[in-house]
Protein backbone atom coordinates (compact mmCIF):
# COMPACT_ATOMS: atom_id res chain seq x y z
CA MET A 1 163.72 111.69 124.79
CA THR A 2 162.26 113.31 127.89
CA SER A 3 158.68 112.65 126.88
CA LEU A 4 159.55 109.03 126.11
CA LEU A 5 161.04 108.54 129.57
CA ASP A 6 158.03 110.21 131.14
CA ARG A 7 155.71 107.80 129.35
CA ILE A 8 157.81 104.81 130.42
CA VAL A 9 157.98 105.67 134.11
CA GLU A 10 154.23 106.31 134.21
CA SER A 11 153.30 103.17 132.26
CA LYS A 12 151.66 100.19 133.99
CA TYR A 13 154.30 98.11 132.18
CA GLN A 14 157.07 100.19 133.73
CA LYS A 15 158.83 97.22 135.33
CA LEU A 16 158.87 95.26 132.07
CA TYR A 17 160.42 98.23 130.28
CA PHE A 18 163.21 98.38 132.83
CA SER A 19 163.76 94.64 132.64
CA GLY A 20 164.25 95.06 128.89
CA PHE A 21 166.70 97.85 129.58
CA ALA A 22 168.55 95.61 132.05
CA ILE A 23 168.89 92.87 129.41
CA ILE A 24 170.28 95.31 126.83
CA LEU A 25 172.67 96.78 129.38
CA ALA A 26 173.85 93.29 130.35
CA PHE A 27 174.78 92.52 126.74
CA PHE A 28 176.70 95.79 126.61
CA VAL A 29 178.65 94.87 129.75
CA GLY A 30 179.19 91.41 128.28
CA ALA A 31 180.69 93.05 125.19
CA ILE A 32 183.14 94.90 127.43
CA VAL A 33 184.12 91.61 129.08
CA ILE A 34 184.70 90.06 125.65
CA VAL A 35 186.86 93.00 124.57
CA LEU A 36 188.93 92.70 127.75
CA ASN A 37 189.58 89.08 126.75
CA LYS A 38 190.86 90.35 123.38
CA GLN A 39 187.97 88.91 121.38
CA ASN A 40 185.47 90.53 119.03
CA PRO A 41 182.04 91.00 120.72
CA LEU A 42 180.26 91.45 117.38
CA LEU A 43 181.66 88.14 116.15
CA ALA A 44 180.72 86.44 119.43
CA TYR A 45 177.15 87.72 119.47
CA ALA A 46 176.71 86.94 115.78
CA ALA A 47 177.78 83.34 116.46
CA LEU A 48 175.39 83.24 119.41
CA LEU A 49 172.47 84.40 117.26
CA ARG A 50 173.31 82.00 114.43
CA GLY A 51 173.56 79.14 116.91
CA ALA A 52 170.15 79.96 118.36
CA PHE A 53 168.20 81.13 115.30
CA GLY A 54 170.31 80.55 112.18
CA LYS A 55 168.66 77.37 110.90
CA PRO A 56 165.23 75.78 111.33
CA TYR A 57 166.54 73.12 113.68
CA THR A 58 168.49 75.62 115.82
CA LEU A 59 165.39 77.81 116.14
CA ALA A 60 163.45 74.67 117.05
CA ASN A 61 166.07 73.81 119.69
CA THR A 62 165.68 77.29 121.17
CA LEU A 63 161.91 76.90 121.36
CA GLN A 64 162.27 73.42 122.83
CA ARG A 65 164.48 74.80 125.62
CA ALA A 66 162.07 77.68 126.19
CA VAL A 67 159.10 75.38 126.94
CA PRO A 68 160.25 74.10 130.38
CA LEU A 69 161.80 77.48 131.17
CA ALA A 70 158.49 79.24 130.54
CA LEU A 71 156.58 76.74 132.68
CA THR A 72 158.98 76.91 135.63
CA GLY A 73 159.11 80.70 135.33
CA LEU A 74 155.32 80.77 135.37
CA SER A 75 155.38 78.44 138.38
CA VAL A 76 157.44 80.95 140.36
CA ALA A 77 155.42 83.93 139.08
CA VAL A 78 152.10 82.39 140.17
CA ALA A 79 153.35 81.84 143.71
CA PHE A 80 154.80 85.33 143.95
CA LYS A 81 151.45 86.80 142.90
CA ALA A 82 150.20 85.78 146.34
CA GLY A 83 153.39 86.96 148.02
CA VAL A 84 154.85 83.45 148.35
CA TRP A 85 158.34 82.41 147.23
CA ASN A 86 158.39 78.97 145.64
CA ILE A 87 162.08 78.11 145.30
CA GLY A 88 161.18 74.44 144.89
CA SER A 89 160.30 74.32 141.19
CA GLU A 90 163.31 72.13 140.44
CA GLY A 91 162.30 69.40 142.86
CA GLN A 92 158.65 69.68 141.83
CA LEU A 93 159.69 69.27 138.19
CA TYR A 94 161.48 66.03 139.13
CA LEU A 95 158.42 64.69 140.95
CA GLY A 96 156.17 65.55 138.01
CA ALA A 97 158.58 64.01 135.52
CA PHE A 98 158.86 60.75 137.46
CA ALA A 99 155.09 60.50 137.94
CA ALA A 100 154.62 61.08 134.20
CA ALA A 101 157.20 58.44 133.27
CA TRP A 102 155.64 55.92 135.65
CA ALA A 103 152.23 56.49 134.08
CA GLY A 104 153.76 56.24 130.61
CA PHE A 105 155.15 52.74 131.06
CA THR A 106 152.49 51.46 133.48
CA PHE A 107 149.36 52.30 131.50
CA ASP A 108 150.88 51.50 128.12
CA GLY A 109 147.76 49.64 127.02
CA LEU A 110 145.66 52.79 126.88
CA PRO A 111 145.04 54.55 123.55
CA TRP A 112 147.02 57.75 123.02
CA PHE A 113 144.04 60.07 123.50
CA LEU A 114 143.60 58.68 127.02
CA LEU A 115 147.22 57.93 127.89
CA ILE A 116 148.63 61.41 127.22
CA PRO A 117 146.03 63.19 129.41
CA VAL A 118 146.60 60.62 132.18
CA ILE A 119 150.36 61.23 132.01
CA LEU A 120 149.91 65.01 132.13
CA LEU A 121 147.48 64.77 135.04
CA LEU A 122 149.87 62.57 137.01
CA GLY A 123 152.71 64.96 136.19
CA MET A 124 150.59 67.80 137.58
CA PHE A 125 149.75 65.68 140.62
CA GLY A 126 153.42 64.92 141.31
CA GLY A 127 154.46 68.55 141.04
CA GLY A 128 151.37 69.70 142.92
CA LEU A 129 152.21 67.32 145.77
CA GLY A 130 155.65 68.91 145.89
CA GLY A 131 153.98 72.31 146.26
CA PHE A 132 151.33 71.08 148.72
CA ILE A 133 153.86 70.18 151.43
CA PRO A 134 155.55 73.60 151.78
CA GLY A 135 152.20 75.29 151.12
CA LEU A 136 150.60 73.47 154.04
CA LEU A 137 153.55 74.27 156.29
CA LYS A 138 153.27 77.94 155.30
CA ALA A 139 149.49 78.21 155.57
CA ARG A 140 149.02 76.27 158.82
CA TYR A 141 152.28 76.71 160.71
CA GLN A 142 153.70 79.90 159.15
CA MET A 143 156.94 78.12 158.29
CA ASN A 144 159.16 80.08 155.92
CA GLU A 145 158.49 78.75 152.42
CA VAL A 146 161.91 79.79 151.14
CA ILE A 147 163.63 77.48 153.62
CA THR A 148 161.19 74.58 153.19
CA THR A 149 161.20 74.65 149.39
CA ILE A 150 165.00 74.84 149.23
CA MET A 151 165.29 71.85 151.58
CA LEU A 152 162.61 69.88 149.75
CA ASN A 153 164.39 70.40 146.43
CA SER A 154 167.16 68.08 147.59
CA VAL A 155 164.68 65.65 149.14
CA PHE A 156 162.62 65.30 145.96
CA ILE A 157 165.60 65.06 143.62
CA LEU A 158 167.34 62.43 145.75
CA PHE A 159 164.07 60.53 146.22
CA THR A 160 163.55 60.25 142.45
CA SER A 161 167.22 59.30 142.07
CA TYR A 162 166.65 56.39 144.47
CA LEU A 163 163.54 55.32 142.57
CA VAL A 164 165.25 55.15 139.18
CA ASN A 165 168.35 53.41 140.50
CA TYR A 166 166.55 50.73 142.50
CA PRO A 167 162.81 49.85 142.35
CA PHE A 168 162.13 51.41 138.95
CA LYS A 169 165.48 50.90 137.26
CA THR A 170 165.07 50.07 133.58
CA ALA A 171 165.27 46.44 132.54
CA GLU A 172 167.79 47.53 129.90
CA GLY A 173 170.39 47.87 132.64
CA GLN A 174 170.96 51.61 132.22
CA MET A 175 171.69 53.32 135.53
CA GLY A 176 169.59 56.30 136.55
CA ALA A 177 166.71 55.76 134.14
CA THR A 178 163.27 54.17 133.99
CA ASP A 179 161.83 52.11 131.18
CA LYS A 180 160.68 54.12 128.18
CA ILE A 181 157.09 55.28 127.99
CA ALA A 182 154.71 53.72 125.48
CA GLU A 183 155.23 54.82 121.89
CA THR A 184 151.61 55.98 121.75
CA ALA A 185 152.38 58.52 124.49
CA ARG A 186 155.35 60.13 122.75
CA LEU A 187 154.69 63.62 121.45
CA ILE A 188 155.33 64.35 117.78
CA ARG A 189 158.57 66.16 116.99
CA LEU A 190 157.94 69.06 114.65
CA VAL A 191 161.36 69.77 113.10
CA ARG A 192 163.96 67.35 111.78
CA LEU A 193 167.22 67.18 113.79
CA SER A 194 165.45 68.74 116.76
CA LYS A 195 163.51 67.53 119.80
CA PHE A 196 161.03 70.39 119.48
CA HIS A 197 157.65 68.79 120.06
CA THR A 198 153.91 69.42 120.07
CA GLY A 199 153.97 70.09 123.79
CA VAL A 200 154.63 73.72 122.85
CA PHE A 201 150.95 74.10 121.92
CA PHE A 202 149.84 72.76 125.29
CA THR A 203 152.27 75.17 126.93
CA LEU A 204 150.81 78.12 125.03
CA VAL A 205 147.31 77.17 126.18
CA ILE A 206 148.52 77.04 129.79
CA ILE A 207 150.23 80.43 129.49
CA ILE A 208 147.13 82.08 128.02
CA PHE A 209 144.93 80.53 130.69
CA MET A 210 147.26 81.59 133.50
CA TYR A 211 147.48 85.10 132.07
CA TYR A 212 143.71 85.36 132.34
CA VAL A 213 143.67 83.90 135.86
CA MET A 214 146.50 86.09 137.14
CA GLN A 215 145.66 89.36 135.41
CA LYS A 216 141.93 89.34 134.68
CA SER A 217 140.10 87.09 137.12
CA ARG A 218 138.76 87.59 140.62
CA VAL A 219 141.06 84.85 141.90
CA GLY A 220 144.08 86.71 140.53
CA TYR A 221 142.87 89.87 142.27
CA GLU A 222 142.57 87.97 145.54
CA TRP A 223 146.11 86.63 145.15
CA LYS A 224 147.33 90.17 144.51
CA MET A 225 145.60 91.43 147.64
CA ILE A 226 147.19 88.65 149.71
CA GLY A 227 150.61 89.45 148.28
CA GLU A 228 150.27 93.16 149.02
CA ASN A 229 148.57 93.06 152.43
CA THR A 230 147.64 89.80 154.10
CA LEU A 231 145.88 91.47 157.03
CA PHE A 232 143.67 93.56 154.76
CA ALA A 233 142.93 90.52 152.58
CA ASN A 234 141.82 88.62 155.67
CA TYR A 235 139.72 91.59 156.80
CA ILE A 236 137.72 91.61 153.56
CA GLY A 237 137.14 87.85 153.75
CA ILE A 238 139.68 86.39 151.29
CA GLN A 239 141.12 83.65 153.59
CA PRO A 240 144.88 84.02 152.89
CA ALA A 241 145.86 80.63 154.34
CA ARG A 242 143.56 78.75 151.99
CA GLN A 243 144.64 80.74 148.93
CA ILE A 244 148.34 80.34 149.77
CA LEU A 245 147.87 76.57 149.87
CA VAL A 246 146.00 76.65 146.55
CA VAL A 247 148.61 78.83 144.86
CA MET A 248 151.48 76.62 146.05
CA ILE A 249 149.75 73.50 144.72
CA LEU A 250 149.15 75.26 141.39
CA SER A 251 152.75 76.49 141.30
CA GLY A 252 154.04 72.96 141.87
CA ALA A 253 151.64 71.56 139.26
CA LEU A 254 153.04 73.94 136.62
CA ALA A 255 156.57 72.76 137.39
CA GLY A 256 155.28 69.18 137.24
CA ILE A 257 153.88 69.79 133.76
CA ALA A 258 157.32 71.02 132.69
CA GLY A 259 158.78 67.71 133.85
CA ALA A 260 156.01 65.69 132.22
CA LEU A 261 156.59 67.38 128.85
CA GLU A 262 160.31 66.62 129.08
CA VAL A 263 159.36 62.96 129.45
CA LEU A 264 156.69 62.98 126.74
CA GLY A 265 158.57 64.93 124.10
CA VAL A 266 162.32 64.91 124.79
CA HIS A 267 163.61 61.87 126.70
CA TYR A 268 160.67 59.40 126.51
CA ARG A 269 161.62 58.22 130.00
CA PHE A 270 162.66 59.64 133.35
CA ILE A 271 166.40 60.05 133.74
CA GLU A 272 168.32 61.02 136.84
CA SER A 273 169.49 64.35 135.38
CA ILE A 274 166.31 65.19 133.48
CA SER A 275 166.63 68.89 134.27
CA PRO A 276 169.80 70.96 133.73
CA GLY A 277 168.46 73.45 136.26
CA TYR A 278 165.20 74.52 134.63
CA GLY A 279 163.60 75.11 138.02
CA TYR A 280 166.41 77.35 139.22
CA ASP A 281 166.44 79.22 135.91
CA GLY A 282 162.69 79.66 136.31
CA ILE A 283 163.31 81.74 139.43
CA LEU A 284 165.61 84.07 137.49
CA ILE A 285 163.18 84.23 134.57
CA ALA A 286 160.27 85.17 136.82
CA MET A 287 162.34 87.89 138.50
CA ILE A 288 163.49 89.39 135.21
CA ALA A 289 159.93 89.24 133.83
CA MET A 290 158.68 90.99 136.98
CA TYR A 291 156.36 88.01 137.55
CA HIS A 292 154.19 88.89 134.55
CA PRO A 293 153.07 85.75 132.61
CA LEU A 294 153.67 87.26 129.17
CA GLY A 295 157.01 88.64 130.29
CA VAL A 296 157.94 85.14 131.44
CA VAL A 297 157.45 83.86 127.88
CA LEU A 298 159.74 86.51 126.39
CA VAL A 299 162.49 86.00 128.97
CA ALA A 300 162.23 82.21 128.59
CA LEU A 301 162.84 82.62 124.85
CA ILE A 302 165.90 84.76 125.57
CA PHE A 303 167.26 82.22 128.05
CA GLY A 304 166.55 79.40 125.61
CA ALA A 305 168.47 81.24 122.91
CA LEU A 306 171.39 81.89 125.25
CA LYS A 307 171.64 78.23 126.23
CA VAL A 308 171.38 76.90 122.67
CA GLY A 309 173.71 79.54 121.22
CA ALA A 310 176.39 79.26 123.91
CA LEU A 311 178.30 76.34 122.38
CA PRO A 312 178.35 77.73 118.79
CA MET A 313 179.56 81.03 120.22
CA GLU A 314 182.46 79.24 121.89
CA GLN A 315 183.25 77.20 118.76
CA PHE A 316 183.28 80.08 116.27
CA SER A 317 184.49 83.04 118.31
CA ASN A 318 186.70 81.54 121.07
CA VAL A 319 184.52 83.18 123.71
CA PRO A 320 183.85 80.70 126.56
CA SER A 321 180.27 79.51 126.87
CA GLU A 322 180.46 80.47 130.55
CA LEU A 323 179.89 84.04 129.37
CA ILE A 324 176.19 83.12 129.22
CA ASP A 325 176.20 82.58 132.99
CA VAL A 326 177.89 85.96 133.38
CA LEU A 327 175.21 87.62 131.23
CA GLN A 328 172.41 86.04 133.25
CA SER A 329 174.01 87.17 136.50
CA ILE A 330 174.44 90.71 135.22
CA ILE A 331 170.79 90.82 134.11
CA ILE A 332 169.68 89.77 137.60
CA LEU A 333 171.98 92.37 139.16
CA PHE A 334 170.48 95.15 137.07
CA VAL A 335 166.92 93.99 137.65
CA ALA A 336 167.56 93.91 141.39
CA ALA A 337 168.84 97.48 141.10
CA GLU A 338 165.61 98.57 139.41
CA THR A 339 164.98 101.39 141.90
CA GLY A 340 168.41 102.86 141.28
CA LEU A 341 167.99 102.60 137.51
CA ILE A 342 164.68 104.44 137.68
CA ALA A 343 166.22 107.18 139.80
CA TRP A 344 169.13 107.49 137.37
CA LEU A 345 166.79 107.78 134.39
CA ARG A 346 164.75 110.41 136.19
CA THR A 347 167.86 112.53 136.65
CA LYS A 348 168.47 112.18 132.91
CA GLY A 349 165.13 113.54 131.91
CA GLY A 350 162.14 111.98 133.68
CA LYS A 351 159.96 114.55 135.42
CA HIS A 352 157.44 112.45 137.29
CA ALA A 353 157.89 110.31 140.34
CA VAL A 354 157.65 106.60 139.81
CA ARG A 355 154.77 105.01 141.64
């Protein structure tokens, strides 16, 4: 046991190991909460797993939920790589989704192999614009990006709400929705009874590409230097202001892609409540994954499973679905207490100081 702990605390993946430990510990605490409510935690968790993975269509639903969660988590992780907090993924997702929907019903005469790329590019542009504004304010005027992105979330969401209720309201008369995108732009659904679509393959390509950029490329190294020491980065000629603007645009573009894929593969139009909080969940996912792109994928899958399995858990075990929110909060609490957890494990057998 001691040698195992020693290897963990010395590993370059140390933070991911402790995030995994935090997730396991959160489920244990959740079991205690269930017992205190006089319910069976094994029955509850079994219902949760069946609801998320028990049948092909439930597994597909989990994967479908994980797609926007992974992209918004990656959006936050990219920004944090350069030491910037992008709390605006939710609003950027809305901008990207609306831009994608507009392209989908405006350029409906294009063939699918042109229309889908145009929609994705406009989705990236919409989200990137949402990242450009706070990025410019941060890079040029040193305005706190946490405050500006939080404020702009409301601005962007309300702006798109105005657009779909007035100038771009669907001719069908439905409130809070645009016209549907062209049928040639709609992504193929892969599993019957599910909205799981081919956008997952595009998402995987993005994740692999961003892993290379963040972990293996010179640009990723420059972002890391900016995040760790802006003054030193400037001293060696990296130009922090320029890179911060670039990384915020890229972060917003990733959130915009998440919105575009929701339009292309799930709703086929922009709706006023197109996101149930994917952008906000992306912040939690990035934190739990310690801002590592591959960790983001794993945590997004866990969050997707929790969201899909919550209702079956409530139906078959009488445990309220709100327990999922409790579990997520506990995970964040334990991840935030990472330093204390490491110290506790060291007293239980680790011998080496954690770097």
